Amino acid sequence: MCSIVEEIKVLITDDHPIVRNGIKQILNDCSDINVVCDVSNGHELLNELKNITVDVILLDISMPGRNGLSYIKEIKNIKPEVAVLMLSIYSEEQYALRSLKLGASGYLTKSSTPDELITAIRRVAKGKKYITTILAEKIAMDVGNVHDKPAHNLLSDRELEVMCMLANGKSNSDIATELSLSPKTISTYRERILEKMDLKSTAEIIRYAIKESLVD
């Protein structure tokens, strides 16, 4: 049963209508949480954010075009006080630490229970971080354990984004269009990715991304 406290205004960003509707149904049972808006991509998110008051943004990582991670800094530039809670199909090992470093307040997988989601929203709305037990253990294990970190941790946020788009079968020109960059710039990113990760081709990038569960 949800207790009555000061209302928390939430914005949901996910490209699947059924996911957005499911989350709204969960949150509508809480008298202290109000879903003020739901959008299907980051572009819509940034447009809405300029016109509404919101406390917490639920942000999916895997969306068409740019991934959710690439929007965190822009969200913070528009409204620094807003808490960003990542909600993703990917495990904490893949993106949680990177999300937190970029400015997110917490990270949940979509396999989490409704109670976990509600608890996380309430916590980040108070200006605190929400970290699952699994992620806390991961952080503890990573301290001083540099050599065992996956190769994609060597990539910048933009390089990781480009790598995932390449792994999803997109061409340099497609990626350039979606990211508003030149094909030459994307080609440069690809070469950096191959060099940093000691890979030799896009096919190897795809195999690596699948192996590490970085793509659907």
N, C-alpha and C. Protein backbone atom coordinates (compact mmCIF):
# COMPACT_ATOMS: atom_id res chain seq x y z
N MET A 1 0.86 -1.19 0.00
CA MET A 1 0.00 0.00 0.00
C MET A 1 0.90 1.23 0.00
N CYS A 2 0.61 2.23 -0.85
CA CYS A 2 1.44 3.41 -0.97
C CYS A 2 0.99 4.48 0.03
N SER A 3 1.93 5.00 0.78
CA SER A 3 1.61 6.03 1.76
C SER A 3 1.51 7.39 1.10
N ILE A 4 0.81 8.33 1.74
CA ILE A 4 0.60 9.66 1.18
C ILE A 4 1.70 10.60 1.65
N VAL A 5 2.49 11.13 0.70
CA VAL A 5 3.51 12.13 1.00
C VAL A 5 3.42 13.17 -0.11
N GLU A 6 4.36 14.11 -0.11
CA GLU A 6 4.36 15.15 -1.14
C GLU A 6 4.44 14.51 -2.53
N GLU A 7 3.66 15.03 -3.47
CA GLU A 7 3.56 14.44 -4.80
C GLU A 7 4.88 14.49 -5.57
N ILE A 8 5.21 13.37 -6.19
CA ILE A 8 6.40 13.27 -7.03
C ILE A 8 5.95 13.24 -8.48
N LYS A 9 6.41 14.20 -9.27
CA LYS A 9 6.03 14.28 -10.68
C LYS A 9 7.03 13.49 -11.53
N VAL A 10 6.51 12.56 -12.32
CA VAL A 10 7.36 11.63 -13.09
C VAL A 10 7.11 11.77 -14.59
N LEU A 11 8.18 11.69 -15.36
CA LEU A 11 8.11 11.64 -16.83
C LEU A 11 8.72 10.32 -17.28
N ILE A 12 8.00 9.58 -18.10
CA ILE A 12 8.46 8.27 -18.57
C ILE A 12 8.93 8.38 -20.02
N THR A 13 10.14 7.86 -20.31
CA THR A 13 10.65 7.84 -21.68
C THR A 13 10.99 6.41 -22.07
N ASP A 14 10.21 5.88 -23.00
CA ASP A 14 10.42 4.51 -23.49
C ASP A 14 9.75 4.40 -24.85
N ASP A 15 10.39 3.72 -25.79
CA ASP A 15 9.84 3.66 -27.14
C ASP A 15 8.74 2.61 -27.31
N HIS A 16 8.45 1.85 -26.26
CA HIS A 16 7.40 0.83 -26.34
C HIS A 16 6.15 1.29 -25.58
N PRO A 17 5.04 1.55 -26.27
CA PRO A 17 3.82 2.00 -25.61
C PRO A 17 3.35 1.07 -24.50
N ILE A 18 3.49 -0.23 -24.72
CA ILE A 18 3.02 -1.20 -23.72
C ILE A 18 3.83 -1.08 -22.42
N VAL A 19 5.12 -0.74 -22.54
CA VAL A 19 5.96 -0.55 -21.34
C VAL A 19 5.53 0.72 -20.61
N ARG A 20 5.34 1.80 -21.38
CA ARG A 20 4.92 3.06 -20.76
C ARG A 20 3.59 2.89 -20.04
N ASN A 21 2.65 2.22 -20.69
CA ASN A 21 1.34 2.02 -20.08
C ASN A 21 1.42 1.14 -18.84
N GLY A 22 2.28 0.13 -18.89
CA GLY A 22 2.46 -0.75 -17.73
C GLY A 22 3.03 0.00 -16.54
N ILE A 23 4.03 0.86 -16.79
CA ILE A 23 4.62 1.65 -15.71
C ILE A 23 3.59 2.62 -15.14
N LYS A 24 2.81 3.24 -16.02
CA LYS A 24 1.78 4.18 -15.55
C LYS A 24 0.77 3.48 -14.65
N GLN A 25 0.38 2.27 -15.01
CA GLN A 25 -0.57 1.52 -14.19
C GLN A 25 0.01 1.25 -12.80
N ILE A 26 1.30 0.91 -12.76
CA ILE A 26 1.95 0.66 -11.47
C ILE A 26 1.97 1.92 -10.63
N LEU A 27 2.38 3.03 -11.25
CA LEU A 27 2.56 4.28 -10.50
C LEU A 27 1.23 4.95 -10.16
N ASN A 28 0.20 4.70 -10.95
CA ASN A 28 -1.10 5.31 -10.66
C ASN A 28 -1.72 4.78 -9.37
N ASP A 29 -1.23 3.64 -8.90
CA ASP A 29 -1.72 3.10 -7.63
C ASP A 29 -1.12 3.82 -6.43
N CYS A 30 -0.15 4.69 -6.68
CA CYS A 30 0.50 5.43 -5.60
C CYS A 30 -0.01 6.86 -5.57
N SER A 31 -0.61 7.26 -4.47
CA SER A 31 -1.18 8.60 -4.37
C SER A 31 -0.12 9.69 -4.30
N ASP A 32 1.13 9.30 -4.04
CA ASP A 32 2.21 10.29 -3.93
C ASP A 32 3.00 10.44 -5.22
N ILE A 33 2.64 9.68 -6.28
CA ILE A 33 3.36 9.73 -7.55
C ILE A 33 2.39 10.07 -8.67
N ASN A 34 2.77 11.06 -9.47
CA ASN A 34 1.92 11.51 -10.57
C ASN A 34 2.71 11.48 -11.88
N VAL A 35 2.29 10.64 -12.82
CA VAL A 35 2.92 10.60 -14.14
C VAL A 35 2.39 11.77 -14.95
N VAL A 36 3.21 12.80 -15.12
CA VAL A 36 2.76 14.02 -15.79
C VAL A 36 2.90 13.95 -17.31
N CYS A 37 3.75 13.01 -17.78
CA CYS A 37 3.98 12.92 -19.22
C CYS A 37 4.68 11.60 -19.55
N ASP A 38 4.41 11.07 -20.74
CA ASP A 38 5.20 9.93 -21.22
C ASP A 38 5.50 10.15 -22.70
N VAL A 39 6.75 9.86 -23.08
CA VAL A 39 7.21 10.10 -24.45
C VAL A 39 7.94 8.87 -24.97
N SER A 40 8.14 8.83 -26.29
CA SER A 40 8.70 7.62 -26.91
C SER A 40 10.17 7.73 -27.26
N ASN A 41 10.76 8.93 -27.17
CA ASN A 41 12.18 9.07 -27.51
C ASN A 41 12.79 10.29 -26.83
N GLY A 42 14.12 10.40 -26.95
CA GLY A 42 14.83 11.48 -26.29
C GLY A 42 14.50 12.85 -26.83
N HIS A 43 14.24 12.95 -28.13
CA HIS A 43 13.89 14.25 -28.72
C HIS A 43 12.60 14.80 -28.11
N GLU A 44 11.59 13.94 -28.00
CA GLU A 44 10.34 14.34 -27.37
C GLU A 44 10.56 14.70 -25.91
N LEU A 45 11.41 13.95 -25.26
CA LEU A 45 11.72 14.19 -23.85
C LEU A 45 12.26 15.60 -23.65
N LEU A 46 13.26 15.98 -24.43
CA LEU A 46 13.87 17.30 -24.27
C LEU A 46 12.88 18.42 -24.57
N ASN A 47 12.01 18.22 -25.55
CA ASN A 47 10.99 19.22 -25.86
C ASN A 47 10.01 19.39 -24.72
N GLU A 48 9.54 18.28 -24.16
CA GLU A 48 8.58 18.34 -23.05
C GLU A 48 9.21 18.92 -21.79
N LEU A 49 10.47 18.59 -21.58
CA LEU A 49 11.15 19.00 -20.35
C LEU A 49 11.22 20.52 -20.21
N LYS A 50 11.24 21.22 -21.32
CA LYS A 50 11.32 22.68 -21.29
C LYS A 50 10.01 23.32 -20.85
N ASN A 51 8.93 22.55 -20.89
CA ASN A 51 7.61 23.14 -20.66
C ASN A 51 6.87 22.61 -19.44
N ILE A 52 7.43 21.60 -18.78
CA ILE A 52 6.70 21.01 -17.65
C ILE A 52 7.59 20.97 -16.40
N THR A 53 6.93 20.81 -15.26
CA THR A 53 7.65 20.62 -14.00
C THR A 53 7.69 19.13 -13.71
N VAL A 54 8.89 18.60 -13.46
CA VAL A 54 9.04 17.17 -13.22
C VAL A 54 10.14 16.94 -12.19
N ASP A 55 9.97 15.93 -11.36
CA ASP A 55 10.95 15.60 -10.33
C ASP A 55 11.85 14.44 -10.73
N VAL A 56 11.27 13.44 -11.40
CA VAL A 56 12.00 12.22 -11.76
C VAL A 56 11.71 11.86 -13.21
N ILE A 57 12.77 11.53 -13.94
CA ILE A 57 12.61 11.03 -15.31
C ILE A 57 13.02 9.56 -15.33
N LEU A 58 12.11 8.70 -15.79
CA LEU A 58 12.44 7.30 -16.04
C LEU A 58 12.93 7.24 -17.49
N LEU A 59 14.17 6.82 -17.68
CA LEU A 59 14.80 6.90 -19.00
C LEU A 59 15.31 5.54 -19.45
N ASP A 60 14.78 5.07 -20.57
CA ASP A 60 15.25 3.81 -21.15
C ASP A 60 16.57 4.04 -21.87
N ILE A 61 17.43 3.04 -21.90
CA ILE A 61 18.70 3.16 -22.63
C ILE A 61 18.50 2.83 -24.10
N SER A 62 17.80 1.76 -24.39
CA SER A 62 17.68 1.27 -25.76
C SER A 62 16.47 1.88 -26.46
N MET A 63 16.75 2.93 -27.26
CA MET A 63 15.70 3.59 -28.03
C MET A 63 16.19 3.80 -29.46
N PRO A 64 15.28 4.00 -30.41
CA PRO A 64 15.70 4.26 -31.79
C PRO A 64 16.57 5.52 -31.85
N GLY A 65 17.57 5.51 -32.73
CA GLY A 65 18.47 6.67 -32.82
C GLY A 65 19.44 6.68 -31.67
N ARG A 66 19.55 7.82 -31.01
CA ARG A 66 20.47 7.95 -29.86
C ARG A 66 19.97 7.14 -28.68
N ASN A 67 20.92 6.56 -27.93
CA ASN A 67 20.49 5.81 -26.75
C ASN A 67 20.27 6.74 -25.57
N GLY A 68 19.64 6.22 -24.54
CA GLY A 68 19.28 7.03 -23.39
C GLY A 68 20.45 7.69 -22.69
N LEU A 69 21.58 7.00 -22.65
CA LEU A 69 22.74 7.56 -21.96
C LEU A 69 23.15 8.91 -22.53
N SER A 70 23.01 9.07 -23.84
CA SER A 70 23.47 10.29 -24.49
C SER A 70 22.60 11.51 -24.15
N TYR A 71 21.46 11.28 -23.51
CA TYR A 71 20.57 12.39 -23.16
C TYR A 71 20.75 12.88 -21.73
N ILE A 72 21.47 12.14 -20.91
CA ILE A 72 21.57 12.51 -19.49
C ILE A 72 22.14 13.90 -19.30
N LYS A 73 23.25 14.20 -19.97
CA LYS A 73 23.88 15.51 -19.82
C LYS A 73 22.97 16.63 -20.31
N GLU A 74 22.24 16.39 -21.40
CA GLU A 74 21.34 17.42 -21.92
C GLU A 74 20.19 17.67 -20.95
N ILE A 75 19.69 16.60 -20.34
CA ILE A 75 18.64 16.75 -19.33
C ILE A 75 19.13 17.62 -18.18
N LYS A 76 20.35 17.33 -17.72
CA LYS A 76 20.92 18.07 -16.60
C LYS A 76 21.20 19.53 -16.97
N ASN A 77 21.51 19.78 -18.23
CA ASN A 77 21.73 21.16 -18.67
C ASN A 77 20.44 21.96 -18.64
N ILE A 78 19.32 21.31 -18.97
CA ILE A 78 18.03 21.99 -18.99
C ILE A 78 17.48 22.15 -17.57
N LYS A 79 17.51 21.05 -16.81
CA LYS A 79 16.99 21.08 -15.44
C LYS A 79 17.90 20.27 -14.53
N PRO A 80 18.93 20.91 -13.98
CA PRO A 80 19.92 20.20 -13.15
C PRO A 80 19.34 19.48 -11.94
N GLU A 81 18.20 19.99 -11.46
CA GLU A 81 17.62 19.42 -10.24
C GLU A 81 16.84 18.13 -10.49
N VAL A 82 16.54 17.81 -11.73
CA VAL A 82 15.75 16.62 -12.04
C VAL A 82 16.57 15.35 -11.82
N ALA A 83 15.96 14.37 -11.19
CA ALA A 83 16.62 13.07 -10.98
C ALA A 83 16.33 12.16 -12.16
N VAL A 84 17.37 11.54 -12.69
CA VAL A 84 17.23 10.62 -13.82
C VAL A 84 17.41 9.19 -13.31
N LEU A 85 16.37 8.38 -13.49
CA LEU A 85 16.43 6.97 -13.08
C LEU A 85 16.41 6.12 -14.34
N MET A 86 17.51 5.43 -14.61
CA MET A 86 17.60 4.59 -15.80
C MET A 86 16.80 3.31 -15.57
N LEU A 87 16.00 2.93 -16.57
CA LEU A 87 15.20 1.71 -16.49
C LEU A 87 15.43 0.94 -17.79
N SER A 88 16.15 -0.18 -17.69
CA SER A 88 16.66 -0.81 -18.91
C SER A 88 16.52 -2.33 -18.88
N ILE A 89 16.56 -2.93 -20.08
CA ILE A 89 16.58 -4.39 -20.17
C ILE A 89 17.97 -4.92 -19.85
N TYR A 90 18.98 -4.04 -19.89
CA TYR A 90 20.36 -4.49 -19.71
C TYR A 90 20.71 -4.60 -18.22
N SER A 91 21.54 -5.57 -17.89
CA SER A 91 21.94 -5.79 -16.50
C SER A 91 22.80 -4.64 -15.99
N GLU A 92 22.90 -4.53 -14.68
CA GLU A 92 23.69 -3.48 -14.07
C GLU A 92 25.14 -3.48 -14.55
N GLU A 93 25.67 -4.68 -14.83
CA GLU A 93 27.07 -4.79 -15.23
C GLU A 93 27.36 -4.03 -16.52
N GLN A 94 26.35 -3.87 -17.38
CA GLN A 94 26.59 -3.28 -18.69
C GLN A 94 26.65 -1.76 -18.66
N TYR A 95 25.69 -1.13 -18.00
CA TYR A 95 25.56 0.33 -18.15
C TYR A 95 25.40 1.11 -16.84
N ALA A 96 25.21 0.45 -15.72
CA ALA A 96 24.86 1.18 -14.50
C ALA A 96 25.94 2.16 -14.06
N LEU A 97 27.18 1.71 -13.99
CA LEU A 97 28.26 2.60 -13.53
C LEU A 97 28.43 3.78 -14.48
N ARG A 98 28.36 3.52 -15.77
CA ARG A 98 28.48 4.60 -16.74
C ARG A 98 27.33 5.61 -16.58
N SER A 99 26.14 5.09 -16.34
CA SER A 99 24.97 5.97 -16.14
C SER A 99 25.18 6.89 -14.94
N LEU A 100 25.63 6.31 -13.84
CA LEU A 100 25.85 7.11 -12.62
C LEU A 100 26.93 8.16 -12.82
N LYS A 101 27.99 7.80 -13.54
CA LYS A 101 29.06 8.76 -13.81
C LYS A 101 28.59 9.92 -14.67
N LEU A 102 27.62 9.64 -15.55
CA LEU A 102 27.08 10.69 -16.42
C LEU A 102 26.09 11.61 -15.70
N GLY A 103 25.65 11.19 -14.51
CA GLY A 103 24.74 12.05 -13.76
C GLY A 103 23.41 11.44 -13.39
N ALA A 104 23.18 10.18 -13.76
CA ALA A 104 21.94 9.52 -13.37
C ALA A 104 21.92 9.30 -11.86
N SER A 105 20.72 9.25 -11.29
CA SER A 105 20.59 9.05 -9.84
C SER A 105 20.40 7.60 -9.45
N GLY A 106 20.11 6.75 -10.44
CA GLY A 106 19.91 5.34 -10.14
C GLY A 106 19.73 4.52 -11.39
N TYR A 107 19.72 3.20 -11.22
CA TYR A 107 19.61 2.29 -12.36
C TYR A 107 18.82 1.06 -11.93
N LEU A 108 17.80 0.74 -12.73
CA LEU A 108 16.99 -0.45 -12.48
C LEU A 108 16.84 -1.23 -13.78
N THR A 109 16.80 -2.54 -13.69
CA THR A 109 16.48 -3.34 -14.86
C THR A 109 14.96 -3.50 -14.94
N LYS A 110 14.46 -3.81 -16.14
CA LYS A 110 13.02 -3.96 -16.32
C LYS A 110 12.50 -5.25 -15.71
N SER A 111 13.40 -6.07 -15.20
CA SER A 111 12.97 -7.28 -14.48
C SER A 111 12.73 -6.99 -13.00
N SER A 112 12.95 -5.74 -12.59
CA SER A 112 12.73 -5.36 -11.19
C SER A 112 11.25 -5.43 -10.85
N THR A 113 10.94 -5.58 -9.57
CA THR A 113 9.55 -5.64 -9.13
C THR A 113 8.94 -4.25 -9.08
N PRO A 114 7.62 -4.14 -9.15
CA PRO A 114 6.96 -2.83 -9.01
C PRO A 114 7.36 -2.12 -7.71
N ASP A 115 7.49 -2.86 -6.63
CA ASP A 115 7.87 -2.25 -5.35
C ASP A 115 9.27 -1.63 -5.43
N GLU A 116 10.19 -2.31 -6.14
CA GLU A 116 11.53 -1.76 -6.31
C GLU A 116 11.49 -0.46 -7.09
N LEU A 117 10.68 -0.42 -8.14
CA LEU A 117 10.55 0.79 -8.95
C LEU A 117 10.02 1.95 -8.11
N ILE A 118 8.98 1.69 -7.34
CA ILE A 118 8.40 2.74 -6.50
C ILE A 118 9.40 3.23 -5.47
N THR A 119 10.10 2.30 -4.83
CA THR A 119 11.12 2.67 -3.84
C THR A 119 12.21 3.52 -4.47
N ALA A 120 12.66 3.13 -5.67
CA ALA A 120 13.71 3.87 -6.36
C ALA A 120 13.26 5.29 -6.70
N ILE A 121 12.04 5.43 -7.20
CA ILE A 121 11.53 6.76 -7.54
C ILE A 121 11.47 7.65 -6.31
N ARG A 122 10.97 7.12 -5.22
CA ARG A 122 10.87 7.92 -3.99
C ARG A 122 12.25 8.34 -3.48
N ARG A 123 13.20 7.44 -3.62
CA ARG A 123 14.54 7.73 -3.11
C ARG A 123 15.23 8.82 -3.95
N VAL A 124 15.22 8.66 -5.27
CA VAL A 124 15.92 9.64 -6.10
C VAL A 124 15.21 10.99 -6.08
N ALA A 125 13.89 10.99 -5.85
CA ALA A 125 13.14 12.24 -5.75
C ALA A 125 13.60 13.08 -4.56
N LYS A 126 14.18 12.41 -3.57
CA LYS A 126 14.70 13.10 -2.38
C LYS A 126 16.14 13.57 -2.55
N GLY A 127 16.67 13.37 -3.77
CA GLY A 127 18.05 13.79 -4.04
C GLY A 127 19.09 12.74 -3.69
N LYS A 128 18.64 11.52 -3.42
CA LYS A 128 19.57 10.44 -3.07
C LYS A 128 19.82 9.53 -4.28
N LYS A 129 20.82 8.68 -4.15
CA LYS A 129 21.11 7.69 -5.19
C LYS A 129 20.38 6.39 -4.88
N TYR A 130 19.99 5.69 -5.94
CA TYR A 130 19.41 4.37 -5.74
C TYR A 130 20.31 3.34 -6.40
N ILE A 131 20.88 2.47 -5.57
CA ILE A 131 21.78 1.43 -6.06
C ILE A 131 21.31 0.08 -5.53
N THR A 132 21.12 -0.86 -6.41
CA THR A 132 20.69 -2.19 -5.98
C THR A 132 21.83 -2.92 -5.28
N THR A 133 21.50 -3.97 -4.57
CA THR A 133 22.52 -4.77 -3.89
C THR A 133 23.52 -5.34 -4.88
N ILE A 134 23.02 -5.78 -6.03
CA ILE A 134 23.90 -6.33 -7.07
C ILE A 134 24.90 -5.30 -7.54
N LEU A 135 24.42 -4.06 -7.77
CA LEU A 135 25.31 -3.00 -8.24
C LEU A 135 26.31 -2.60 -7.16
N ALA A 136 25.87 -2.57 -5.91
CA ALA A 136 26.77 -2.23 -4.81
C ALA A 136 27.91 -3.24 -4.73
N GLU A 137 27.58 -4.51 -4.91
CA GLU A 137 28.61 -5.55 -4.90
C GLU A 137 29.55 -5.40 -6.09
N LYS A 138 28.99 -5.03 -7.23
CA LYS A 138 29.79 -4.83 -8.43
C LYS A 138 30.78 -3.69 -8.23
N ILE A 139 30.33 -2.60 -7.64
CA ILE A 139 31.20 -1.46 -7.38
C ILE A 139 32.33 -1.87 -6.43
N ALA A 140 31.98 -2.62 -5.40
CA ALA A 140 32.98 -3.07 -4.44
C ALA A 140 34.03 -3.96 -5.10
N MET A 141 33.58 -4.84 -5.98
CA MET A 141 34.50 -5.76 -6.66
C MET A 141 35.40 -5.03 -7.65
N ASP A 142 34.89 -3.93 -8.23
CA ASP A 142 35.64 -3.20 -9.25
C ASP A 142 36.76 -2.35 -8.66
N VAL A 143 36.68 -2.03 -7.38
CA VAL A 143 37.70 -1.19 -6.75
C VAL A 143 39.06 -1.87 -6.84
N GLY A 144 39.98 -1.24 -7.54
CA GLY A 144 41.32 -1.78 -7.67
C GLY A 144 41.43 -2.99 -8.56
N ASN A 145 40.36 -3.28 -9.31
CA ASN A 145 40.37 -4.49 -10.14
C ASN A 145 40.29 -4.10 -11.61
N VAL A 146 41.16 -3.20 -12.02
CA VAL A 146 41.12 -2.59 -13.36
C VAL A 146 41.27 -3.61 -14.47
N HIS A 147 42.14 -4.59 -14.31
CA HIS A 147 42.47 -5.51 -15.39
C HIS A 147 41.32 -6.43 -15.80
N ASP A 148 40.35 -6.61 -14.90
CA ASP A 148 39.25 -7.51 -15.21
C ASP A 148 38.04 -6.80 -15.81
N LYS A 149 38.14 -5.50 -16.05
CA LYS A 149 37.02 -4.76 -16.61
C LYS A 149 36.87 -5.05 -18.09
N PRO A 150 35.64 -5.08 -18.61
CA PRO A 150 35.43 -5.38 -20.04
C PRO A 150 36.05 -4.32 -20.94
N ALA A 151 36.39 -4.74 -22.15
CA ALA A 151 37.09 -3.85 -23.09
C ALA A 151 36.30 -2.60 -23.42
N HIS A 152 34.96 -2.69 -23.47
CA HIS A 152 34.19 -1.51 -23.86
C HIS A 152 34.22 -0.40 -22.81
N ASN A 153 34.71 -0.70 -21.60
CA ASN A 153 34.88 0.36 -20.60
C ASN A 153 35.96 1.36 -21.00
N LEU A 154 36.79 0.98 -21.97
CA LEU A 154 37.83 1.89 -22.46
C LEU A 154 37.26 2.97 -23.37
N LEU A 155 36.03 2.78 -23.84
CA LEU A 155 35.43 3.70 -24.80
C LEU A 155 34.82 4.91 -24.12
N SER A 156 34.83 6.03 -24.84
CA SER A 156 34.11 7.21 -24.36
C SER A 156 32.62 6.95 -24.51
N ASP A 157 31.78 7.81 -23.95
CA ASP A 157 30.34 7.63 -24.05
C ASP A 157 29.88 7.66 -25.51
N ARG A 158 30.43 8.58 -26.30
CA ARG A 158 30.06 8.65 -27.71
C ARG A 158 30.54 7.43 -28.47
N GLU A 159 31.75 6.96 -28.18
CA GLU A 159 32.27 5.76 -28.84
C GLU A 159 31.42 4.54 -28.52
N LEU A 160 30.98 4.43 -27.28
CA LEU A 160 30.11 3.31 -26.90
C LEU A 160 28.79 3.39 -27.65
N GLU A 161 28.26 4.59 -27.77
CA GLU A 161 27.00 4.77 -28.49
C GLU A 161 27.15 4.34 -29.95
N VAL A 162 28.24 4.79 -30.60
CA VAL A 162 28.48 4.43 -31.99
C VAL A 162 28.70 2.92 -32.11
N MET A 163 29.44 2.33 -31.17
CA MET A 163 29.68 0.90 -31.21
C MET A 163 28.38 0.11 -31.16
N CYS A 164 27.46 0.52 -30.29
CA CYS A 164 26.18 -0.19 -30.17
C CYS A 164 25.34 -0.03 -31.43
N MET A 165 25.43 1.12 -32.05
CA MET A 165 24.68 1.34 -33.29
C MET A 165 25.27 0.50 -34.43
N LEU A 166 26.59 0.41 -34.48
CA LEU A 166 27.24 -0.46 -35.47
C LEU A 166 26.84 -1.92 -35.21
N ALA A 167 26.81 -2.29 -33.94
CA ALA A 167 26.46 -3.67 -33.58
C ALA A 167 25.01 -4.00 -33.94
N ASN A 168 24.17 -2.97 -34.04
CA ASN A 168 22.78 -3.17 -34.43
C ASN A 168 22.59 -3.15 -35.94
N GLY A 169 23.73 -3.15 -36.68
CA GLY A 169 23.67 -3.27 -38.13
C GLY A 169 23.51 -1.96 -38.89
N LYS A 170 23.67 -0.84 -38.21
CA LYS A 170 23.51 0.45 -38.89
C LYS A 170 24.80 0.85 -39.62
N SER A 171 24.64 1.48 -40.77
CA SER A 171 25.79 1.92 -41.56
C SER A 171 26.34 3.23 -41.01
N ASN A 172 27.56 3.59 -41.44
CA ASN A 172 28.15 4.86 -41.01
C ASN A 172 27.25 6.04 -41.37
N SER A 173 26.67 6.00 -42.55
CA SER A 173 25.82 7.12 -42.98
C SER A 173 24.53 7.20 -42.16
N ASP A 174 23.96 6.04 -41.83
CA ASP A 174 22.75 6.01 -40.99
C ASP A 174 23.04 6.60 -39.61
N ILE A 175 24.17 6.18 -39.04
CA ILE A 175 24.56 6.67 -37.71
C ILE A 175 24.84 8.16 -37.77
N ALA A 176 25.52 8.60 -38.82
CA ALA A 176 25.83 10.02 -38.97
C ALA A 176 24.56 10.86 -39.00
N THR A 177 23.55 10.38 -39.72
CA THR A 177 22.28 11.10 -39.82
C THR A 177 21.59 11.19 -38.46
N GLU A 178 21.55 10.07 -37.73
CA GLU A 178 20.85 10.02 -36.44
C GLU A 178 21.55 10.86 -35.38
N LEU A 179 22.89 10.94 -35.46
CA LEU A 179 23.65 11.69 -34.46
C LEU A 179 24.01 13.10 -34.91
N SER A 180 23.56 13.47 -36.10
CA SER A 180 23.86 14.79 -36.68
C SER A 180 25.36 15.03 -36.78
N LEU A 181 26.07 14.02 -37.25
CA LEU A 181 27.50 14.11 -37.46
C LEU A 181 27.80 13.72 -38.91
N SER A 182 29.04 13.94 -39.34
CA SER A 182 29.41 13.56 -40.71
C SER A 182 29.80 12.09 -40.76
N PRO A 183 29.61 11.44 -41.92
CA PRO A 183 30.05 10.05 -42.07
C PRO A 183 31.53 9.89 -41.79
N LYS A 184 32.33 10.89 -42.12
CA LYS A 184 33.77 10.84 -41.85
C LYS A 184 34.04 10.77 -40.35
N THR A 185 33.28 11.54 -39.58
CA THR A 185 33.44 11.51 -38.12
C THR A 185 33.08 10.14 -37.57
N ILE A 186 32.01 9.55 -38.08
CA ILE A 186 31.61 8.21 -37.63
C ILE A 186 32.68 7.19 -37.98
N SER A 187 33.27 7.34 -39.16
CA SER A 187 34.35 6.44 -39.58
C SER A 187 35.53 6.55 -38.63
N THR A 188 35.81 7.78 -38.19
CA THR A 188 36.91 8.00 -37.23
C THR A 188 36.59 7.33 -35.90
N TYR A 189 35.34 7.46 -35.44
CA TYR A 189 34.93 6.80 -34.21
C TYR A 189 35.09 5.28 -34.33
N ARG A 190 34.69 4.74 -35.48
CA ARG A 190 34.80 3.30 -35.70
C ARG A 190 36.25 2.85 -35.59
N GLU A 191 37.16 3.60 -36.19
CA GLU A 191 38.58 3.23 -36.13
C GLU A 191 39.10 3.29 -34.69
N ARG A 192 38.66 4.27 -33.94
CA ARG A 192 39.07 4.37 -32.52
C ARG A 192 38.55 3.18 -31.73
N ILE A 193 37.31 2.80 -31.99
CA ILE A 193 36.70 1.67 -31.30
C ILE A 193 37.49 0.39 -31.58
N LEU A 194 37.78 0.16 -32.84
CA LEU A 194 38.55 -1.03 -33.22
C LEU A 194 39.91 -1.05 -32.55
N GLU A 195 40.56 0.11 -32.52
CA GLU A 195 41.90 0.20 -31.94
C GLU A 195 41.86 -0.02 -30.43
N LYS A 196 40.96 0.68 -29.74
CA LYS A 196 40.89 0.58 -28.29
C LYS A 196 40.52 -0.82 -27.81
N MET A 197 39.67 -1.50 -28.58
CA MET A 197 39.17 -2.80 -28.17
C MET A 197 39.91 -3.97 -28.82
N ASP A 198 40.95 -3.61 -29.60
CA ASP A 198 41.77 -4.62 -30.27
C ASP A 198 40.92 -5.54 -31.14
N LEU A 199 40.02 -4.91 -31.93
CA LEU A 199 39.18 -5.65 -32.86
C LEU A 199 39.59 -5.27 -34.28
N LYS A 200 39.15 -6.07 -35.25
CA LYS A 200 39.62 -5.86 -36.62
C LYS A 200 38.52 -5.51 -37.61
N SER A 201 37.27 -5.65 -37.25
CA SER A 201 36.20 -5.40 -38.21
C SER A 201 34.89 -5.13 -37.50
N THR A 202 33.91 -4.64 -38.27
CA THR A 202 32.57 -4.43 -37.72
C THR A 202 31.95 -5.75 -37.29
N ALA A 203 32.26 -6.81 -38.03
CA ALA A 203 31.74 -8.14 -37.66
C ALA A 203 32.21 -8.52 -36.25
N GLU A 204 33.45 -8.21 -35.93
CA GLU A 204 33.97 -8.51 -34.58
C GLU A 204 33.30 -7.62 -33.53
N ILE A 205 32.98 -6.38 -33.90
CA ILE A 205 32.24 -5.49 -33.00
C ILE A 205 30.88 -6.11 -32.68
N ILE A 206 30.21 -6.61 -33.71
CA ILE A 206 28.89 -7.23 -33.53
C ILE A 206 28.98 -8.45 -32.62
N ARG A 207 29.98 -9.30 -32.87
CA ARG A 207 30.14 -10.50 -32.03
C ARG A 207 30.42 -10.12 -30.58
N TYR A 208 31.26 -9.12 -30.39
CA TYR A 208 31.59 -8.68 -29.02
C TYR A 208 30.34 -8.14 -28.33
N ALA A 209 29.58 -7.28 -29.01
CA ALA A 209 28.40 -6.67 -28.41
C ALA A 209 27.37 -7.72 -28.03
N ILE A 210 27.19 -8.72 -28.87
CA ILE A 210 26.25 -9.80 -28.55
C ILE A 210 26.74 -10.59 -27.35
N LYS A 211 28.03 -10.91 -27.34
CA LYS A 211 28.62 -11.67 -26.24
C LYS A 211 28.46 -10.94 -24.89
N GLU A 212 28.63 -9.62 -24.93
CA GLU A 212 28.57 -8.83 -23.69
C GLU A 212 27.15 -8.31 -23.40
N SER A 213 26.17 -8.74 -24.22
CA SER A 213 24.77 -8.33 -24.03
C SER A 213 24.60 -6.81 -24.08
N LEU A 214 25.31 -6.16 -24.99
CA LEU A 214 25.21 -4.72 -25.15
C LEU A 214 24.12 -4.32 -26.13
N VAL A 215 23.61 -5.30 -26.88
CA VAL A 215 22.53 -5.04 -27.83
C VAL A 215 21.44 -6.06 -27.62
N ASP A 216 20.24 -5.76 -28.14
CA ASP A 216 19.09 -6.67 -27.97
C ASP A 216 19.34 -7.99 -28.72
